[in-house]
């Protein structure tokens, strides 16, 4: 079995999504990693021609970025 570069990219994207999701309670940086992996998944979906997958992963990217921002702000002391 051979893998083309697009398939490898998709495999890496969803593997990173799983990894960062599993550890997101440990650090806000894992939430950011999840957001980046979702963006990679979105790119993969559009490049592969599965635009519904690409669209949903794009939405997850923005949700994860908002969660990352909220988590970072929650850790800051109030001035």
N, C-alpha and C. Protein backbone atom coordinates (compact mmCIF):
# COMPACT_ATOMS: atom_id res chain seq x y z
N UNK A 1 0.84 -1.17 0.00
CA UNK A 1 0.00 0.00 0.00
C UNK A 1 0.89 1.24 0.00
N UNK A 2 0.57 2.18 -0.86
CA UNK A 2 1.33 3.42 -0.93
C UNK A 2 0.44 4.58 -0.51
N UNK A 3 1.06 5.57 0.07
CA UNK A 3 0.34 6.76 0.52
C UNK A 3 0.83 7.96 -0.27
N UNK A 4 -0.10 8.73 -0.82
CA UNK A 4 0.29 9.97 -1.49
C UNK A 4 0.46 11.05 -0.43
N UNK A 5 1.12 12.14 -0.77
CA UNK A 5 1.40 13.20 0.23
C UNK A 5 0.13 13.77 0.87
N UNK A 6 -0.94 13.87 0.12
CA UNK A 6 -2.18 14.41 0.69
C UNK A 6 -2.74 13.49 1.76
N UNK A 7 -2.69 12.20 1.53
CA UNK A 7 -3.17 11.23 2.53
C UNK A 7 -2.32 11.29 3.79
N UNK A 8 -1.02 11.40 3.63
CA UNK A 8 -0.12 11.52 4.79
C UNK A 8 -0.43 12.79 5.57
N UNK A 9 -0.65 13.88 4.85
CA UNK A 9 -0.99 15.15 5.50
C UNK A 9 -2.28 15.01 6.31
N UNK A 10 -3.29 14.37 5.74
CA UNK A 10 -4.55 14.15 6.44
C UNK A 10 -4.38 13.27 7.66
N UNK A 11 -3.57 12.23 7.54
CA UNK A 11 -3.31 11.34 8.67
C UNK A 11 -2.61 12.08 9.80
N UNK A 12 -1.64 12.90 9.45
CA UNK A 12 -0.93 13.69 10.46
C UNK A 12 -1.90 14.66 11.14
N UNK A 13 -2.75 15.31 10.34
CA UNK A 13 -3.69 16.29 10.89
C UNK A 13 -4.63 15.66 11.91
N UNK A 14 -5.28 14.56 11.54
CA UNK A 14 -6.24 13.95 12.47
C UNK A 14 -5.53 13.29 13.66
N UNK A 15 -4.31 12.80 13.46
CA UNK A 15 -3.54 12.23 14.58
C UNK A 15 -3.19 13.32 15.59
N UNK A 16 -2.78 14.49 15.09
CA UNK A 16 -2.47 15.60 15.99
C UNK A 16 -3.72 16.10 16.70
N UNK A 17 -4.85 16.10 16.00
CA UNK A 17 -6.10 16.50 16.64
C UNK A 17 -6.39 15.59 17.83
N UNK A 18 -6.27 14.31 17.63
CA UNK A 18 -6.52 13.34 18.70
C UNK A 18 -5.54 13.54 19.86
N UNK A 19 -4.28 13.70 19.55
CA UNK A 19 -3.25 13.86 20.58
C UNK A 19 -3.49 15.12 21.41
N UNK A 20 -3.67 16.26 20.73
CA UNK A 20 -3.86 17.51 21.46
C UNK A 20 -5.18 17.54 22.22
N UNK A 21 -6.21 16.92 21.67
CA UNK A 21 -7.50 16.87 22.37
C UNK A 21 -7.36 16.07 23.67
N UNK A 22 -6.62 14.99 23.62
CA UNK A 22 -6.44 14.14 24.79
C UNK A 22 -5.73 14.88 25.93
N UNK A 23 -4.87 15.84 25.59
CA UNK A 23 -4.07 16.52 26.61
C UNK A 23 -4.44 17.99 26.81
N UNK A 24 -5.59 18.41 26.29
CA UNK A 24 -5.90 19.84 26.35
C UNK A 24 -6.14 20.36 27.77
N UNK A 25 -6.48 19.50 28.71
CA UNK A 25 -6.65 19.96 30.09
C UNK A 25 -5.32 20.28 30.76
N UNK A 26 -4.23 19.79 30.19
CA UNK A 26 -2.91 20.00 30.79
C UNK A 26 -2.34 21.39 30.53
N UNK A 27 -2.70 22.00 29.41
CA UNK A 27 -2.09 23.27 29.05
C UNK A 27 -2.92 23.98 27.99
N UNK A 28 -2.97 25.31 28.06
CA UNK A 28 -3.65 26.04 26.98
C UNK A 28 -2.93 25.85 25.64
N UNK A 29 -1.65 25.51 25.69
CA UNK A 29 -0.91 25.29 24.45
C UNK A 29 -1.41 24.05 23.71
N UNK A 30 -1.95 23.10 24.44
CA UNK A 30 -2.55 21.93 23.79
C UNK A 30 -3.83 22.31 23.08
N UNK A 31 -4.56 23.28 23.63
CA UNK A 31 -5.76 23.77 22.95
C UNK A 31 -5.36 24.48 21.66
N UNK A 32 -4.30 25.27 21.73
CA UNK A 32 -3.80 25.93 20.51
C UNK A 32 -3.34 24.89 19.50
N UNK A 33 -2.65 23.86 19.96
CA UNK A 33 -2.23 22.78 19.05
C UNK A 33 -3.42 22.10 18.40
N UNK A 34 -4.49 21.91 19.18
CA UNK A 34 -5.71 21.34 18.64
C UNK A 34 -6.29 22.24 17.56
N UNK A 35 -6.30 23.55 17.80
CA UNK A 35 -6.81 24.50 16.81
C UNK A 35 -6.01 24.44 15.51
N UNK A 36 -4.69 24.37 15.64
CA UNK A 36 -3.83 24.29 14.45
C UNK A 36 -4.08 22.98 13.71
N UNK A 37 -4.23 21.89 14.46
CA UNK A 37 -4.50 20.60 13.83
C UNK A 37 -5.87 20.61 13.14
N UNK A 38 -6.86 21.30 13.72
CA UNK A 38 -8.16 21.43 13.07
C UNK A 38 -8.04 22.21 11.77
N UNK A 39 -7.22 23.26 11.77
CA UNK A 39 -6.99 24.02 10.54
C UNK A 39 -6.34 23.13 9.48
N UNK A 40 -5.41 22.30 9.91
CA UNK A 40 -4.79 21.35 8.97
C UNK A 40 -5.83 20.38 8.42
N UNK A 41 -6.73 19.91 9.30
CA UNK A 41 -7.80 19.01 8.86
C UNK A 41 -8.73 19.70 7.87
N UNK A 42 -9.00 20.97 8.10
CA UNK A 42 -9.84 21.73 7.19
C UNK A 42 -9.19 21.86 5.81
N UNK A 43 -7.91 22.17 5.82
CA UNK A 43 -7.17 22.27 4.56
C UNK A 43 -7.20 20.93 3.83
N UNK A 44 -6.97 19.87 4.58
CA UNK A 44 -7.01 18.53 4.00
C UNK A 44 -8.37 18.24 3.36
N UNK A 45 -9.44 18.56 4.09
CA UNK A 45 -10.78 18.31 3.57
C UNK A 45 -11.04 19.02 2.27
N UNK A 46 -10.67 20.30 2.21
CA UNK A 46 -10.89 21.05 0.97
C UNK A 46 -10.01 20.54 -0.17
N UNK A 47 -8.75 20.22 0.13
CA UNK A 47 -7.86 19.71 -0.92
C UNK A 47 -8.30 18.35 -1.45
N UNK A 48 -8.88 17.56 -0.57
CA UNK A 48 -9.33 16.23 -0.96
C UNK A 48 -10.65 16.27 -1.70
N UNK A 49 -11.36 17.37 -1.59
CA UNK A 49 -12.65 17.50 -2.26
C UNK A 49 -13.83 17.22 -1.35
N UNK A 50 -13.58 16.99 -0.08
CA UNK A 50 -14.64 16.75 0.89
C UNK A 50 -14.94 18.06 1.60
N UNK A 51 -15.58 18.99 0.88
CA UNK A 51 -15.78 20.32 1.43
C UNK A 51 -16.61 20.35 2.70
N UNK A 52 -17.60 19.45 2.92
CA UNK A 52 -18.30 19.49 4.22
C UNK A 52 -17.34 19.24 5.39
N UNK A 53 -16.42 18.29 5.22
CA UNK A 53 -15.41 18.02 6.25
C UNK A 53 -14.54 19.25 6.45
N UNK A 54 -14.10 19.85 5.36
CA UNK A 54 -13.26 21.05 5.45
C UNK A 54 -13.97 22.19 6.14
N UNK A 55 -15.25 22.35 5.86
CA UNK A 55 -16.03 23.42 6.47
C UNK A 55 -16.20 23.20 7.97
N UNK A 56 -16.56 22.00 8.36
CA UNK A 56 -16.75 21.71 9.79
C UNK A 56 -15.43 21.84 10.55
N UNK A 57 -14.35 21.36 9.99
CA UNK A 57 -13.05 21.51 10.65
C UNK A 57 -12.65 22.97 10.76
N UNK A 58 -13.02 23.77 9.78
CA UNK A 58 -12.76 25.21 9.85
C UNK A 58 -13.51 25.85 11.01
N UNK A 59 -14.76 25.45 11.21
CA UNK A 59 -15.53 25.95 12.35
C UNK A 59 -14.88 25.52 13.66
N UNK A 60 -14.45 24.24 13.74
CA UNK A 60 -13.78 23.76 14.95
C UNK A 60 -12.50 24.55 15.22
N UNK A 61 -11.84 24.99 14.18
CA UNK A 61 -10.63 25.81 14.35
C UNK A 61 -10.95 27.07 15.14
N UNK A 62 -12.02 27.77 14.73
CA UNK A 62 -12.37 29.01 15.41
C UNK A 62 -12.89 28.77 16.83
N UNK A 63 -13.62 27.68 17.03
CA UNK A 63 -14.08 27.34 18.37
C UNK A 63 -12.89 27.08 19.29
N UNK A 64 -11.92 26.32 18.80
CA UNK A 64 -10.74 26.00 19.61
C UNK A 64 -9.90 27.25 19.88
N UNK A 65 -9.79 28.14 18.90
CA UNK A 65 -9.04 29.38 19.14
C UNK A 65 -9.72 30.23 20.21
N UNK A 66 -11.03 30.28 20.19
CA UNK A 66 -11.75 31.03 21.22
C UNK A 66 -11.56 30.38 22.60
N UNK A 67 -11.59 29.05 22.67
CA UNK A 67 -11.35 28.36 23.93
C UNK A 67 -9.94 28.61 24.43
N UNK A 68 -8.96 28.63 23.51
CA UNK A 68 -7.57 28.91 23.88
C UNK A 68 -7.45 30.32 24.46
N UNK A 69 -8.09 31.28 23.78
CA UNK A 69 -8.04 32.66 24.25
C UNK A 69 -8.69 32.78 25.63
N UNK A 70 -9.84 32.17 25.83
CA UNK A 70 -10.52 32.23 27.13
C UNK A 70 -9.68 31.58 28.22
N UNK A 71 -9.05 30.48 27.91
CA UNK A 71 -8.22 29.77 28.90
C UNK A 71 -7.00 30.60 29.28
N UNK A 72 -6.40 31.26 28.30
CA UNK A 72 -5.24 32.11 28.59
C UNK A 72 -5.64 33.30 29.44
N UNK A 73 -6.78 33.93 29.10
CA UNK A 73 -7.23 35.09 29.85
C UNK A 73 -7.65 34.72 31.26
N UNK A 74 -8.18 33.52 31.45
CA UNK A 74 -8.60 33.07 32.78
C UNK A 74 -7.41 32.91 33.72
N UNK A 75 -6.23 32.68 33.17
CA UNK A 75 -5.04 32.50 33.98
C UNK A 75 -4.35 33.80 34.36
N UNK A 76 -4.79 34.92 33.78
CA UNK A 76 -4.16 36.21 34.08
C UNK A 76 -4.74 36.83 35.35
N UNK A 77 -3.89 37.45 36.16
CA UNK A 77 -4.42 38.14 37.35
C UNK A 77 -5.19 39.39 36.94
N UNK A 78 -6.20 39.73 37.73
CA UNK A 78 -7.00 40.92 37.45
C UNK A 78 -6.26 42.14 37.99
N UNK A 79 -6.11 43.17 37.13
CA UNK A 79 -5.35 44.35 37.53
C UNK A 79 -6.18 45.32 38.33
